[in-house]
Amino acid sequence: MTRDWWLEMFSEWLHHPAIVQDDETITYGQLTTWICETAGRLADQGIQKHSVVILQGDFSITGITVFFALVHLRAIVIPIVDPTPSSLATVWTQCGAEFLCKTVSGLTIERLVETTQPALYEKLKTRDTSGLVLLSSGSTGTSKPILHDLDGLLAAQRGATVKHKVSIVLTLLFDHIGGINTLLRSLFAGGVALIASERTPEAICRLIEKRRAKVLPATPTFLNLIMIGGFHQLFNLESLRLISYGTEPMPEELLRKLHQAIPRARLLQTFGTSEMGIAFTSSRSSHSTFFKIDNTNISYRIVNDELQLRSTTGFLGYLNNDAKSYSDDEWFSTGDIVESSDDGFIRIRGRVQEVINVGGQKVLPVEVETILLQSPMIADCQVYSESNAVTGQLICADIVPWDPTNTRADMRRHIHSFFANKVEAFKIPTRIKIVNEVEHSSRFKRRRHFDSCD
């Protein structure tokens, strides 16, 4: 296997469409040519093997071309979609970046002031491979730069992608492991990567209808916004054959509604972390949140209800951070609470840091949200905690009612009545807040607020 096997593979599909952005379509032949030309331009600016390059910009024909050109040069790539000046400066110093490539409108290349480079890069130099740096979400503190062997991530996708040249919507972000994974699975299968003009439910659904897209990867939050907005009815989504979801727990009630609304699409739970990559999975069914990890590169075990992974293509470590990566026996703790079934399937129930402790009783938000979403009066909801001197924590819920005239008192009475005989009393939300929409991040993940019970 040659080092640029993927480039040779692209050249076998010269006349097949590779990327569609707005009304522009480029073929694999054009993509191959542009990658080589762009690599030459980058090299002329001083970018070479193991140069550390910030790649600023979201998915675009230019951005994807530059990404693969940097891989071709064996550079170390740090994709960032929309940084602030301060976050850009932090990445520059923490990661020892030497160049900044902006792809927002065309390509601009800027040489940065030299800084000290992390010692961890020596692992890439020893292997003579390209690198990828992803930034953790920082949900448990300061964001940590995560270093991957990029050649290894690419090789893990070879031969294990979808077998048909399908069209896939690039819904997840360019600087997210899920977004990178979607791009690789699309292009390494000879498929078509579809880029929407905006990352909104309306724009995505319009793109699906126009381009007859077959695969939609998305977060449960994004899929719920499609349902609430009625975009599955405004646009024809019958071309979809697969909807993959992940990055946060899926409420069972939302999954049921999706299965009813878009019955021709198979619903697949995906799973992965920024550190360990994305695993190949299979769901028990389109209406079940239970799934299996079907990946020869990744093993798993459950310790105290928490999922732990071991991978042959896992990350090399955190840059400039002493955080412990693995357990003493080389297993990575994901922070995900899971339950397992007798037939070998598992289900994500929530995150360790999301557990709500009500007087010693443990509650997970997605369990309560699943019940709330069964109510005909509730369009959307988000469950979180607040500290309490008596019980330690209280269960709180932001509610988006279908009828905006419903007051908090109306919803409080309804919820107490609706929850009767469904769950234990301590799982019923104590504080209710009426909101116009549930708060979510730019990655379309729920932004929960949790107060410590200490």
Protein backbone atom coordinates (compact mmCIF):
# COMPACT_ATOMS: atom_id res chain seq x y z
CA MET A 1 0.00 0.00 0.00
CA THR A 2 1.52 3.29 -1.09
CA ARG A 3 1.42 6.24 1.26
CA ASP A 4 -0.97 8.20 -0.97
CA TRP A 5 -3.24 5.23 -1.74
CA TRP A 6 -6.28 7.47 -1.32
CA LEU A 7 -5.06 9.79 -4.07
CA GLU A 8 -4.62 6.82 -6.39
CA MET A 9 -8.14 5.69 -5.48
CA PHE A 10 -9.56 9.12 -6.34
CA SER A 11 -7.92 8.89 -9.77
CA GLU A 12 -9.91 5.71 -10.48
CA TRP A 13 -13.16 7.69 -10.33
CA LEU A 14 -12.10 10.59 -12.56
CA HIS A 15 -15.53 11.44 -13.96
CA HIS A 16 -17.64 10.70 -10.89
CA PRO A 17 -18.89 13.71 -8.88
CA ALA A 18 -17.01 14.09 -5.59
CA ILE A 19 -18.20 17.32 -3.93
CA VAL A 20 -21.25 19.51 -4.46
CA GLN A 21 -21.34 23.00 -2.96
CA ASP A 22 -24.24 25.27 -3.88
CA ASP A 23 -24.49 24.92 -7.68
CA GLU A 24 -20.87 23.82 -8.19
CA THR A 25 -19.95 20.18 -8.68
CA ILE A 26 -16.38 18.90 -8.95
CA THR A 27 -15.35 15.42 -10.02
CA TYR A 28 -12.76 13.16 -8.44
CA GLY A 29 -10.51 13.98 -11.40
CA GLN A 30 -10.74 17.71 -10.65
CA LEU A 31 -10.28 17.08 -6.93
CA THR A 32 -7.13 15.02 -7.59
CA THR A 33 -5.67 17.73 -9.81
CA TRP A 34 -6.49 20.51 -7.36
CA ILE A 35 -5.01 18.61 -4.42
CA CYS A 36 -1.69 18.22 -6.23
CA GLU A 37 -1.69 21.85 -7.40
CA THR A 38 -2.56 23.12 -3.93
CA ALA A 39 0.16 20.98 -2.36
CA GLY A 40 2.64 22.65 -4.69
CA ARG A 41 1.38 26.10 -3.71
CA LEU A 42 1.62 25.26 0.00
CA ALA A 43 5.15 23.91 -0.47
CA ASP A 44 6.17 27.11 -2.26
CA GLN A 45 5.09 29.01 0.87
CA GLY A 46 7.34 26.86 3.06
CA ILE A 47 4.90 24.24 4.28
CA GLN A 48 6.63 20.89 4.35
CA LYS A 49 6.68 17.55 6.13
CA HIS A 50 5.49 17.95 9.76
CA SER A 51 4.83 21.68 9.45
CA VAL A 52 2.08 22.60 11.93
CA VAL A 53 -0.78 24.29 10.09
CA ILE A 54 -4.02 25.80 11.38
CA LEU A 55 -6.74 25.20 8.77
CA GLN A 56 -9.41 27.84 9.38
CA GLY A 57 -12.78 27.40 7.71
CA ASP A 58 -15.76 25.07 7.50
CA PHE A 59 -16.44 22.44 4.86
CA SER A 60 -15.98 23.83 1.36
CA ILE A 61 -14.43 22.68 -1.89
CA THR A 62 -11.39 24.79 -1.08
CA GLY A 63 -11.17 23.60 2.53
CA ILE A 64 -11.39 19.92 1.61
CA THR A 65 -8.78 20.38 -1.12
CA VAL A 66 -6.36 22.07 1.29
CA PHE A 67 -6.96 19.38 3.92
CA PHE A 68 -5.90 16.58 1.57
CA ALA A 69 -3.04 18.66 0.18
CA LEU A 70 -1.68 18.97 3.73
CA VAL A 71 -2.06 15.21 4.22
CA HIS A 72 -0.15 14.71 0.95
CA LEU A 73 2.67 16.90 2.33
CA ARG A 74 2.57 14.96 5.65
CA ALA A 75 1.87 18.13 7.60
CA ILE A 76 0.16 18.38 10.99
CA VAL A 77 -3.34 19.80 10.48
CA ILE A 78 -5.36 21.74 13.07
CA PRO A 79 -8.86 22.37 11.64
CA ILE A 80 -10.80 25.21 13.28
CA VAL A 81 -14.15 26.36 11.94
CA ASP A 82 -14.83 29.74 13.54
CA PRO A 83 -12.17 30.79 16.07
CA THR A 84 -12.09 34.01 18.06
CA PRO A 85 -8.82 35.98 18.08
CA SER A 86 -8.11 34.75 21.62
CA SER A 87 -8.86 31.09 20.85
CA LEU A 88 -6.72 31.32 17.72
CA ALA A 89 -3.85 32.71 19.79
CA THR A 90 -4.29 29.90 22.33
CA VAL A 91 -4.14 27.24 19.62
CA TRP A 92 -1.09 28.91 18.07
CA THR A 93 0.84 28.84 21.36
CA GLN A 94 -0.39 25.47 22.71
CA CYS A 95 0.08 23.63 19.44
CA GLY A 96 3.18 25.39 18.15
CA ALA A 97 1.47 26.36 14.89
CA GLU A 98 3.73 27.68 12.12
CA PHE A 99 1.18 28.54 9.42
CA LEU A 100 -2.41 29.72 9.16
CA CYS A 101 -4.41 28.71 6.08
CA LYS A 102 -7.77 30.46 5.74
CA THR A 103 -10.33 28.96 3.35
CA VAL A 104 -13.37 31.11 4.10
CA SER A 105 -13.15 32.86 0.71
CA GLY A 106 -10.44 31.34 -1.43
CA LEU A 107 -7.11 30.36 0.12
CA THR A 108 -4.78 32.65 2.02
CA ILE A 109 -1.56 31.44 3.65
CA GLU A 110 0.10 33.24 6.56
CA ARG A 111 3.38 32.35 8.26
CA LEU A 112 3.09 32.68 12.05
CA VAL A 113 5.68 33.77 14.57
CA GLU A 114 7.64 30.75 15.72
CA THR A 115 6.66 29.19 19.05
CA THR A 116 7.80 26.14 20.99
CA GLN A 117 6.40 22.90 19.61
CA PRO A 118 5.04 20.12 21.84
CA ALA A 119 7.37 17.15 22.31
CA LEU A 120 4.54 14.79 21.34
CA TYR A 121 5.06 15.68 17.67
CA GLU A 122 8.20 13.53 17.78
CA LYS A 123 5.96 10.47 17.61
CA LEU A 124 4.72 11.59 14.20
CA LYS A 125 8.22 12.33 13.01
CA THR A 126 9.37 8.90 14.09
CA ARG A 127 6.49 7.29 12.21
CA ASP A 128 6.95 9.66 9.24
CA THR A 129 3.20 10.30 9.13
CA SER A 130 0.85 13.27 8.91
CA GLY A 131 -0.97 14.48 12.01
CA LEU A 132 -4.36 15.80 13.06
CA VAL A 133 -5.02 17.97 16.11
CA LEU A 134 -8.60 18.21 17.36
CA LEU A 135 -9.75 20.39 20.23
CA SER A 136 -11.85 18.75 22.93
CA SER A 137 -15.18 20.41 23.69
CA GLY A 138 -13.91 21.52 27.07
CA SER A 139 -17.11 20.36 28.78
CA THR A 140 -15.18 19.42 31.90
CA GLY A 141 -12.76 22.33 31.85
CA THR A 142 -10.23 23.88 29.50
CA SER A 143 -10.26 22.55 25.96
CA LYS A 144 -7.40 20.13 25.31
CA PRO A 145 -5.64 19.67 21.95
CA ILE A 146 -5.80 15.98 20.96
CA LEU A 147 -3.11 14.57 18.64
CA HIS A 148 -3.84 11.81 16.12
CA ASP A 149 -1.76 9.97 13.57
CA LEU A 150 -3.73 11.14 10.54
CA ASP A 151 -2.34 8.47 8.23
CA GLY A 152 -3.64 5.89 10.70
CA LEU A 153 -7.12 7.45 10.76
CA LEU A 154 -7.26 7.42 6.97
CA ALA A 155 -6.10 3.81 6.77
CA ALA A 156 -8.75 2.74 9.30
CA GLN A 157 -11.42 3.95 6.88
CA ARG A 158 -10.06 2.00 3.91
CA GLY A 159 -12.13 -1.01 2.98
CA ALA A 160 -14.65 -0.42 5.76
CA THR A 161 -16.78 2.28 4.18
CA VAL A 162 -20.19 2.09 2.57
CA LYS A 163 -20.00 0.07 -0.64
CA HIS A 164 -22.25 2.25 -2.76
CA LYS A 165 -21.42 5.66 -4.19
CA VAL A 166 -24.08 7.45 -2.17
CA SER A 167 -24.55 11.16 -1.51
CA ILE A 168 -23.86 12.19 2.08
CA VAL A 169 -24.68 15.55 3.67
CA LEU A 170 -21.76 17.10 5.60
CA THR A 171 -23.85 18.23 8.56
CA LEU A 172 -21.23 17.92 11.33
CA LEU A 173 -18.39 20.43 11.57
CA PHE A 174 -15.00 20.24 9.86
CA ASP A 175 -13.14 20.43 13.19
CA HIS A 176 -15.14 17.60 14.77
CA ILE A 177 -14.12 13.92 14.65
CA GLY A 178 -17.59 13.11 13.35
CA GLY A 179 -17.27 15.65 10.55
CA ILE A 180 -13.87 14.32 9.49
CA ASN A 181 -15.22 10.78 9.65
CA THR A 182 -18.20 11.67 7.43
CA LEU A 183 -15.91 13.26 4.83
CA LEU A 184 -13.59 10.24 4.71
CA ARG A 185 -16.42 7.71 4.51
CA SER A 186 -17.97 9.63 1.63
CA LEU A 187 -14.88 10.17 -0.51
CA PHE A 188 -13.21 6.82 0.24
CA ALA A 189 -16.34 5.08 -1.08
CA GLY A 190 -16.50 7.16 -4.25
CA GLY A 191 -19.58 8.95 -2.95
CA VAL A 192 -20.71 12.54 -3.21
CA ALA A 193 -20.10 14.95 -0.31
CA LEU A 194 -22.91 17.52 -0.17
CA ILE A 195 -22.28 20.93 1.42
CA ALA A 196 -25.27 23.08 2.41
CA SER A 197 -25.25 26.87 2.09
CA GLU A 198 -26.13 27.07 5.80
CA ARG A 199 -26.09 24.56 8.63
CA THR A 200 -29.76 25.00 9.53
CA PRO A 201 -32.59 22.44 9.47
CA GLU A 202 -34.30 24.27 6.62
CA ALA A 203 -31.15 24.54 4.45
CA ILE A 204 -30.19 20.92 5.10
CA CYS A 205 -33.65 19.61 4.22
CA ARG A 206 -33.75 21.76 1.10
CA LEU A 207 -30.40 20.28 0.05
CA ILE A 208 -31.64 16.73 0.68
CA GLU A 209 -34.65 17.34 -1.55
CA LYS A 210 -32.66 19.08 -4.31
CA ARG A 211 -29.78 16.61 -4.48
CA ARG A 212 -31.71 13.45 -3.52
CA ALA A 213 -29.30 12.82 -0.67
CA LYS A 214 -29.11 9.28 0.67
CA VAL A 215 -27.31 9.70 4.02
CA LEU A 216 -27.81 12.30 6.77
CA PRO A 217 -25.46 12.26 9.78
CA ALA A 218 -26.75 14.53 12.57
CA THR A 219 -27.10 15.04 16.29
CA PRO A 220 -30.39 14.20 18.04
CA THR A 221 -30.77 17.93 18.77
CA PHE A 222 -30.53 18.79 15.06
CA LEU A 223 -32.97 16.03 14.12
CA ASN A 224 -35.41 17.28 16.74
CA LEU A 225 -35.21 20.80 15.27
CA ILE A 226 -36.19 19.32 11.90
CA MET A 227 -39.23 17.68 13.52
CA ILE A 228 -40.29 20.74 15.55
CA GLY A 229 -40.00 23.01 12.53
CA GLY A 230 -41.96 20.60 10.37
CA PHE A 231 -39.20 20.62 7.74
CA HIS A 232 -39.70 16.90 7.14
CA GLN A 233 -43.13 17.87 5.81
CA LEU A 234 -42.10 21.03 3.95
CA PHE A 235 -39.42 19.19 1.97
CA ASN A 236 -39.33 15.79 0.30
CA LEU A 237 -36.94 13.61 2.30
CA GLU A 238 -37.93 10.29 0.75
CA SER A 239 -34.50 9.89 -0.86
CA LEU A 240 -32.91 9.34 2.56
CA ARG A 241 -31.90 5.74 3.17
CA LEU A 242 -29.80 6.25 6.31
CA ILE A 243 -29.93 8.72 9.19
CA SER A 244 -27.01 8.27 11.57
CA TYR A 245 -27.10 9.98 14.94
CA GLY A 246 -24.63 10.41 17.78
CA THR A 247 -22.47 12.80 19.87
CA GLU A 248 -25.21 12.92 22.56
CA PRO A 249 -27.86 10.54 23.93
CA MET A 250 -30.96 9.98 21.79
CA PRO A 251 -34.31 10.15 23.65
CA GLU A 252 -36.30 7.05 22.73
CA GLU A 253 -39.43 9.09 22.08
CA LEU A 254 -37.62 11.27 19.55
CA LEU A 255 -36.28 8.16 17.81
CA ARG A 256 -39.82 6.77 17.60
CA LYS A 257 -41.12 10.01 16.06
CA LEU A 258 -38.28 10.09 13.52
CA HIS A 259 -38.95 6.50 12.52
CA GLN A 260 -42.61 7.32 11.93
CA ALA A 261 -41.90 10.58 10.08
CA ILE A 262 -39.19 9.25 7.73
CA PRO A 263 -39.98 5.52 7.51
CA ARG A 264 -37.84 4.75 4.44
CA ALA A 265 -34.63 5.76 6.23
CA ARG A 266 -32.76 3.35 8.47
CA LEU A 267 -31.80 4.96 11.78
CA LEU A 268 -28.31 4.11 13.02
CA GLN A 269 -26.68 4.95 16.35
CA THR A 270 -23.04 5.93 15.85
CA PHE A 271 -20.46 6.23 18.57
CA GLY A 272 -17.04 7.74 18.98
CA THR A 273 -14.89 10.21 20.85
CA SER A 274 -12.40 12.85 19.78
CA GLU A 275 -9.67 10.73 21.36
CA MET A 276 -10.56 7.26 20.05
CA GLY A 277 -12.21 8.07 16.74
CA ILE A 278 -15.54 6.83 15.36
CA ALA A 279 -16.43 3.17 15.69
CA PHE A 280 -18.41 1.16 13.16
CA THR A 281 -21.75 0.26 14.72
CA SER A 282 -24.99 -1.59 14.06
CA SER A 283 -28.29 -0.74 15.72
CA ARG A 284 -30.68 -3.41 16.96
CA SER A 285 -33.38 -1.69 14.89
CA SER A 286 -34.40 1.77 13.64
CA HIS A 287 -36.63 2.25 16.68
CA SER A 288 -34.12 1.04 19.26
CA THR A 289 -31.30 2.97 20.94
CA PHE A 290 -29.40 -0.28 21.58
CA PHE A 291 -26.40 -0.85 19.31
CA LYS A 292 -23.25 -2.94 18.88
CA ILE A 293 -19.70 -1.80 18.22
CA ASP A 294 -18.62 -3.75 15.11
CA ASN A 295 -15.03 -2.70 14.73
CA THR A 296 -11.88 -4.79 14.66
CA ASN A 297 -9.83 -1.75 15.68
CA ILE A 298 -11.87 -0.95 18.80
CA SER A 299 -12.63 -3.07 21.87
CA TYR A 300 -14.87 -2.03 24.74
CA ARG A 301 -15.71 -2.92 28.31
CA ILE A 302 -18.05 -1.51 30.96
CA VAL A 303 -16.68 -0.59 34.37
CA ASN A 304 -19.07 0.80 37.00
CA ASP A 305 -21.60 1.49 34.21
CA GLU A 306 -19.04 3.61 32.31
CA LEU A 307 -17.95 2.67 28.80
CA GLN A 308 -14.20 2.21 28.27
CA LEU A 309 -12.49 1.78 24.91
CA ARG A 310 -9.23 0.37 23.60
CA SER A 311 -8.25 1.18 20.01
CA THR A 312 -5.40 0.45 17.65
CA THR A 313 -5.97 3.87 16.06
CA GLY A 314 -6.44 5.88 19.24
CA PHE A 315 -4.93 9.28 19.84
CA LEU A 316 -1.27 9.79 20.66
CA GLY A 317 -1.96 12.05 23.64
CA TYR A 318 -2.92 15.57 24.70
CA LEU A 319 -0.60 18.42 23.71
CA ASN A 320 0.87 20.42 26.59
CA ASN A 321 -1.48 18.75 29.05
CA ASP A 322 -0.69 16.29 31.81
CA ALA A 323 -4.22 14.84 31.88
CA LYS A 324 -4.11 11.08 32.26
CA SER A 325 -5.20 9.53 28.98
CA TYR A 326 -5.70 5.90 29.89
CA SER A 327 -6.18 3.63 32.89
CA ASP A 328 -3.23 1.66 34.17
CA ASP A 329 -4.22 -1.24 31.89
CA GLU A 330 -4.50 0.99 28.76
CA TRP A 331 -8.28 1.50 28.61
CA PHE A 332 -9.75 4.93 27.81
CA SER A 333 -12.70 6.13 29.93
CA THR A 334 -15.29 7.76 27.68
CA GLY A 335 -17.40 9.38 30.40
CA ASP A 336 -20.51 7.74 28.91
CA ILE A 337 -22.88 5.79 31.15
CA VAL A 338 -24.22 2.72 29.37
CA GLU A 339 -26.37 -0.32 30.00
CA SER A 340 -25.95 -3.67 28.28
CA SER A 341 -28.41 -6.34 27.16
CA ASP A 342 -28.10 -10.12 27.31
CA ASP A 343 -27.65 -10.32 23.53
CA GLY A 344 -24.56 -8.08 23.48
CA PHE A 345 -26.10 -4.70 22.65
CA ILE A 346 -25.40 -1.53 24.64
CA ARG A 347 -27.24 1.76 25.07
CA ILE A 348 -25.94 5.23 25.98
CA ARG A 349 -27.89 6.58 28.94
CA GLY A 350 -25.98 9.80 29.53
CA ARG A 351 -22.73 11.35 30.66
CA VAL A 352 -21.06 10.83 34.03
CA GLN A 353 -21.02 14.58 34.70
CA GLU A 354 -24.74 14.83 33.85
CA VAL A 355 -25.98 12.54 36.64
CA ILE A 356 -28.43 14.38 38.88
CA ASN A 357 -28.31 13.37 42.56
CA VAL A 358 -31.67 13.91 44.26
CA GLY A 359 -31.25 12.98 47.90
CA GLY A 360 -28.98 10.09 46.99
CA GLN A 361 -31.16 8.92 44.10
CA LYS A 362 -29.45 9.06 40.68
CA VAL A 363 -31.29 10.45 37.65
CA LEU A 364 -30.12 10.91 34.06
CA PRO A 365 -31.59 13.80 32.01
CA VAL A 366 -32.36 11.77 28.87
CA GLU A 367 -34.61 9.43 30.91
CA VAL A 368 -36.77 12.36 32.00
CA GLU A 369 -36.65 14.01 28.56
CA THR A 370 -37.93 10.83 26.90
CA ILE A 371 -41.07 10.97 29.05
CA LEU A 372 -41.56 14.72 28.57
CA LEU A 373 -41.38 14.32 24.79
CA GLN A 374 -44.27 11.83 24.94
CA SER A 375 -46.56 14.65 26.04
CA PRO A 376 -48.78 16.11 23.29
CA MET A 377 -48.32 19.52 24.90
CA ILE A 378 -44.48 19.60 24.76
CA ALA A 379 -42.57 20.34 21.55
CA ASP A 380 -39.09 20.21 23.08
CA CYS A 381 -37.43 20.13 26.46
CA GLN A 382 -34.11 20.09 28.26
CA VAL A 383 -33.45 18.65 31.71
CA TYR A 384 -30.65 19.79 34.01
CA SER A 385 -29.91 20.28 37.70
CA GLU A 386 -29.74 23.06 40.26
CA SER A 387 -28.20 22.77 43.71
CA ASN A 388 -30.46 22.44 46.74
CA ALA A 389 -29.57 22.56 50.44
CA VAL A 390 -31.95 19.72 51.35
CA THR A 391 -31.75 17.19 48.50
CA GLY A 392 -28.37 18.13 47.08
CA GLN A 393 -29.80 18.78 43.61
CA LEU A 394 -33.15 19.48 41.99
CA ILE A 395 -34.36 18.34 38.59
CA CYS A 396 -35.15 21.32 36.39
CA ALA A 397 -36.69 21.40 32.93
CA ASP A 398 -36.79 24.01 30.19
CA ILE A 399 -40.02 23.41 28.27
CA VAL A 400 -40.99 24.51 24.76
CA PRO A 401 -44.80 24.11 24.63
CA TRP A 402 -46.62 23.51 21.37
CA ASP A 403 -49.11 26.16 22.46
CA PRO A 404 -47.21 29.37 23.35
CA THR A 405 -50.14 30.60 25.46
CA ASN A 406 -49.52 27.86 28.05
CA THR A 407 -48.10 29.34 31.23
CA ARG A 408 -45.55 27.84 33.61
CA ALA A 409 -48.37 27.02 36.01
CA ASP A 410 -50.24 25.23 33.21
CA MET A 411 -47.19 23.18 32.31
CA ARG A 412 -46.34 22.41 35.94
CA ARG A 413 -49.82 20.96 36.53
CA HIS A 414 -49.70 19.03 33.27
CA ILE A 415 -46.25 17.55 33.93
CA HIS A 416 -47.14 16.36 37.44
CA SER A 417 -50.27 14.74 36.06
CA PHE A 418 -48.51 13.31 33.02
CA PHE A 419 -45.69 11.76 35.08
CA ALA A 420 -48.10 10.10 37.53
CA ASN A 421 -47.59 6.32 37.64
CA LYS A 422 -44.81 6.55 35.02
CA VAL A 423 -41.75 7.11 37.24
CA GLU A 424 -40.77 7.49 40.87
CA ALA A 425 -41.71 10.87 42.38
CA PHE A 426 -38.09 12.02 42.73
CA LYS A 427 -37.68 11.92 38.91
CA ILE A 428 -40.44 14.48 38.30
CA PRO A 429 -39.01 17.94 37.44
CA THR A 430 -39.33 20.31 40.38
CA ARG A 431 -38.63 23.58 38.58
CA ILE A 432 -40.20 24.37 35.22
CA LYS A 433 -39.16 27.16 32.88
CA ILE A 434 -40.98 28.09 29.67
CA VAL A 435 -38.58 28.90 26.81
CA ASN A 436 -38.92 29.62 23.09
CA GLU A 437 -36.20 27.13 22.20
CA VAL A 438 -33.79 24.76 23.91
CA GLU A 439 -30.26 26.10 24.20
CA HIS A 440 -27.71 24.29 22.05
CA SER A 441 -24.13 24.80 20.93
CA SER A 442 -22.86 25.58 17.42
CA ARG A 443 -22.37 21.82 17.05
CA PHE A 444 -26.11 21.29 17.67
CA LYS A 445 -25.59 19.55 20.99
CA ARG A 446 -27.69 20.40 24.02
CA ARG A 447 -25.94 22.88 26.29
CA ARG A 448 -26.90 21.62 29.72
CA HIS A 449 -26.31 23.48 32.99
CA PHE A 450 -25.43 21.45 36.06
CA ASP A 451 -24.87 22.72 39.59
CA SER A 452 -22.73 20.68 41.94
CA CYS A 453 -24.49 19.18 44.95
CA ASP A 454 -21.39 19.76 47.09
